[in-house]
Amino acid sequence: MSAPRFSSLRPVRPAVPGDGPALGELDRATWSTLHAVQPRPQPPYEPFFDDRHRPEDILVAEAAAGGVEVRIAGYLRLARPTPLACNAHVRQIQGLAVAGWARRHGVARALLRAAYAEARRQGAGRLTLRVLGHNSAARALYEAEGFAVEGVLPGEFFLGGRYVDDVLMGRSLTA
């Protein structure tokens, strides 16, 4: 089956439980050592949603594919980095994936901007994320969206036969 053609992005929305199978499929299809530190998922696959990964923590981007069919084009997981009260003003992006057929159409940027609005709605004043040092495309996007490098853990992961830095980035959500 050929990949659908991207035709138009829909407004980003919160995930619903029924999105789980499609999100799991997207997550597996986009797996790469460019951004994943976990091993490649193998059958039997775990459900996308569980006690730690809830629908209310996921923002979903949909796009018309092939001009008619609306499909999930990407997702972003937005969560509290810790359960500590002293850290309640921070939200963290803990996953971002865009389907191959939907890349280079503004899906990741739309998800990021929806995450800013949702984090502010939740009372957050700061947004953080972690990105692998060799993922230059993601780092460039985050920098263009106002994130700054706040720390680097050199050689934190051994992926694909080499050591890779873990880059910590953040941005303010206030004016």
Protein backbone atom coordinates (compact mmCIF):
# COMPACT_ATOMS: atom_id res chain seq x y z
CA MET A 1 0.00 0.00 0.00
CA SER A 2 1.45 3.38 -0.94
CA ALA A 3 1.67 6.22 1.55
CA PRO A 4 -1.23 8.66 1.47
CA ARG A 5 -0.64 12.15 0.13
CA PHE A 6 -0.85 14.97 2.64
CA SER A 7 -3.51 17.50 1.75
CA SER A 8 -4.56 19.56 4.81
CA LEU A 9 -3.84 19.76 8.52
CA ARG A 10 -6.76 19.79 10.95
CA PRO A 11 -6.71 21.62 14.31
CA VAL A 12 -4.73 19.77 16.98
CA ARG A 13 -6.98 17.99 19.46
CA PRO A 14 -6.64 15.98 22.68
CA ALA A 15 -6.35 12.22 22.24
CA VAL A 16 -9.24 9.92 23.06
CA PRO A 17 -8.96 6.27 24.17
CA GLY A 18 -9.98 5.05 20.70
CA ASP A 19 -6.83 6.66 19.23
CA GLY A 20 -4.62 4.11 21.00
CA PRO A 21 -4.24 1.57 18.17
CA ALA A 22 -3.44 4.22 15.53
CA LEU A 23 -1.03 6.01 17.87
CA GLY A 24 0.72 2.73 18.67
CA GLU A 25 1.07 2.00 14.96
CA LEU A 26 2.47 5.50 14.34
CA ASP A 27 4.88 5.12 17.25
CA ARG A 28 6.21 1.83 15.85
CA ALA A 29 6.40 3.17 12.29
CA THR A 30 8.46 6.18 13.34
CA TRP A 31 10.82 4.34 15.71
CA SER A 32 14.46 5.22 15.06
CA THR A 33 17.72 5.53 17.00
CA LEU A 34 17.63 9.15 15.82
CA HIS A 35 15.20 9.86 18.67
CA ALA A 36 14.44 6.65 20.60
CA VAL A 37 16.54 5.24 23.44
CA GLN A 38 14.27 2.26 24.03
CA PRO A 39 14.78 -0.88 21.92
CA ARG A 40 12.67 -1.28 18.77
CA PRO A 41 9.18 -2.47 19.79
CA GLN A 42 8.55 -6.15 19.14
CA PRO A 43 5.29 -8.12 19.09
CA PRO A 44 3.26 -8.62 21.12
CA TYR A 45 2.99 -4.84 21.31
CA GLU A 46 2.12 -3.06 24.52
CA PRO A 47 -0.97 -0.82 24.42
CA PHE A 48 -0.16 2.81 23.61
CA PHE A 49 -2.13 4.03 26.62
CA ASP A 50 -1.41 2.78 30.14
CA ASP A 51 -1.25 4.22 33.68
CA ARG A 52 1.76 6.38 32.79
CA HIS A 53 0.70 7.31 29.24
CA ARG A 54 -2.87 8.57 29.40
CA PRO A 55 -5.01 9.98 26.57
CA GLU A 56 -5.29 13.30 28.40
CA ASP A 57 -1.48 13.72 28.12
CA ILE A 58 -1.47 13.35 24.33
CA LEU A 59 -2.17 15.96 21.67
CA VAL A 60 -3.05 14.61 18.23
CA ALA A 61 -2.61 16.20 14.81
CA GLU A 62 -4.80 14.90 12.02
CA ALA A 63 -4.54 15.60 8.32
CA ALA A 64 -6.55 14.80 5.27
CA ALA A 65 -4.69 12.13 3.40
CA GLY A 66 -5.29 11.58 -0.27
CA GLY A 67 -7.61 14.56 -0.21
CA VAL A 68 -10.41 12.74 1.62
CA GLU A 69 -9.46 10.37 4.43
CA VAL A 70 -8.51 12.01 7.75
CA ARG A 71 -5.69 10.19 9.52
CA ILE A 72 -3.50 10.78 12.54
CA ALA A 73 -0.46 12.63 11.24
CA GLY A 74 1.38 13.04 14.54
CA TYR A 75 1.23 13.27 18.28
CA LEU A 76 2.92 15.02 21.20
CA ARG A 77 3.00 13.80 24.80
CA LEU A 78 2.84 16.65 27.32
CA ALA A 79 3.23 15.74 30.99
CA ARG A 80 4.58 16.88 34.32
CA PRO A 81 8.27 15.95 34.60
CA THR A 82 7.87 15.00 38.28
CA PRO A 83 5.01 14.69 40.78
CA LEU A 84 6.67 17.28 43.07
CA ALA A 85 4.62 20.35 44.02
CA CYS A 86 7.71 22.55 43.64
CA ASN A 87 7.90 21.47 39.98
CA ALA A 88 4.18 21.87 39.16
CA HIS A 89 4.83 24.98 37.04
CA VAL A 90 6.75 22.91 34.47
CA ARG A 91 5.47 20.71 31.67
CA GLN A 92 7.71 18.44 29.63
CA ILE A 93 7.41 17.17 26.08
CA GLN A 94 7.95 13.44 26.52
CA GLY A 95 7.39 12.31 22.97
CA LEU A 96 6.76 13.76 19.54
CA ALA A 97 6.19 11.75 16.37
CA VAL A 98 5.08 12.66 12.86
CA ALA A 99 4.11 10.12 10.20
CA GLY A 100 6.51 9.98 7.27
CA TRP A 101 3.80 11.02 4.80
CA ALA A 102 3.03 14.13 6.90
CA ARG A 103 6.56 15.44 7.44
CA ARG A 104 7.57 18.88 6.18
CA HIS A 105 3.96 20.13 6.32
CA GLY A 106 4.04 21.94 9.68
CA VAL A 107 2.66 19.08 11.78
CA ALA A 108 5.41 19.15 14.44
CA ARG A 109 5.23 22.94 14.66
CA ALA A 110 1.42 22.81 15.05
CA LEU A 111 1.79 20.21 17.81
CA LEU A 112 4.40 22.33 19.60
CA ARG A 113 2.24 25.44 19.45
CA ALA A 114 -0.77 23.51 20.72
CA ALA A 115 1.43 22.21 23.55
CA TYR A 116 2.32 25.79 24.56
CA ALA A 117 -1.35 26.68 24.77
CA GLU A 118 -2.25 23.51 26.67
CA ALA A 119 0.64 23.91 29.11
CA ARG A 120 -0.40 27.51 29.80
CA ARG A 121 -4.01 26.36 30.27
CA GLN A 122 -2.72 23.91 32.89
CA GLY A 123 -0.94 26.77 34.68
CA ALA A 124 2.59 26.04 33.51
CA GLY A 125 5.09 28.83 32.95
CA ARG A 126 7.88 26.68 31.57
CA LEU A 127 8.25 23.87 29.03
CA THR A 128 11.18 21.46 28.79
CA LEU A 129 12.26 18.53 26.64
CA ARG A 130 15.14 16.17 25.98
CA VAL A 131 16.48 15.51 22.49
CA LEU A 132 19.32 13.34 21.30
CA GLY A 133 22.35 15.33 20.23
CA HIS A 134 22.53 13.79 16.76
CA ASN A 135 18.89 14.69 15.93
CA SER A 136 19.81 17.96 14.22
CA ALA A 137 16.43 18.41 12.49
CA ALA A 138 14.53 18.24 15.79
CA ARG A 139 17.04 20.49 17.53
CA ALA A 140 16.71 23.10 14.76
CA LEU A 141 12.91 23.00 15.01
CA TYR A 142 12.99 23.40 18.80
CA GLU A 143 15.46 26.29 18.57
CA ALA A 144 13.29 27.98 15.93
CA GLU A 145 10.35 27.59 18.34
CA GLY A 146 12.15 29.39 21.17
CA PHE A 147 13.79 26.51 23.04
CA ALA A 148 17.36 26.98 24.27
CA VAL A 149 19.91 24.34 25.23
CA GLU A 150 20.07 24.31 29.02
CA GLY A 151 22.35 21.33 29.49
CA VAL A 152 24.09 18.47 27.78
CA LEU A 153 24.79 15.01 29.16
CA PRO A 154 27.72 13.95 26.97
CA GLY A 155 27.67 10.37 25.73
CA GLU A 156 24.62 9.54 27.85
CA PHE A 157 23.35 6.83 25.48
CA PHE A 158 25.01 4.17 23.32
CA LEU A 159 22.88 3.92 20.17
CA GLY A 160 23.66 2.45 16.79
CA GLY A 161 27.22 1.70 17.76
CA ARG A 162 28.13 5.15 19.09
CA TYR A 163 27.75 7.35 22.13
CA VAL A 164 25.10 10.05 21.81
CA ASP A 165 24.55 13.18 23.91
CA ASP A 166 21.29 13.84 25.73
CA VAL A 167 20.45 17.52 25.18
CA LEU A 168 18.17 19.27 27.68
CA MET A 169 16.19 22.19 26.26
CA GLY A 170 13.64 24.57 27.73
CA ARG A 171 11.64 27.71 27.12
CA SER A 172 9.49 30.09 29.04
CA LEU A 173 5.76 30.17 28.39
CA THR A 174 5.38 33.69 29.75
CA ALA A 175 5.73 36.85 27.68
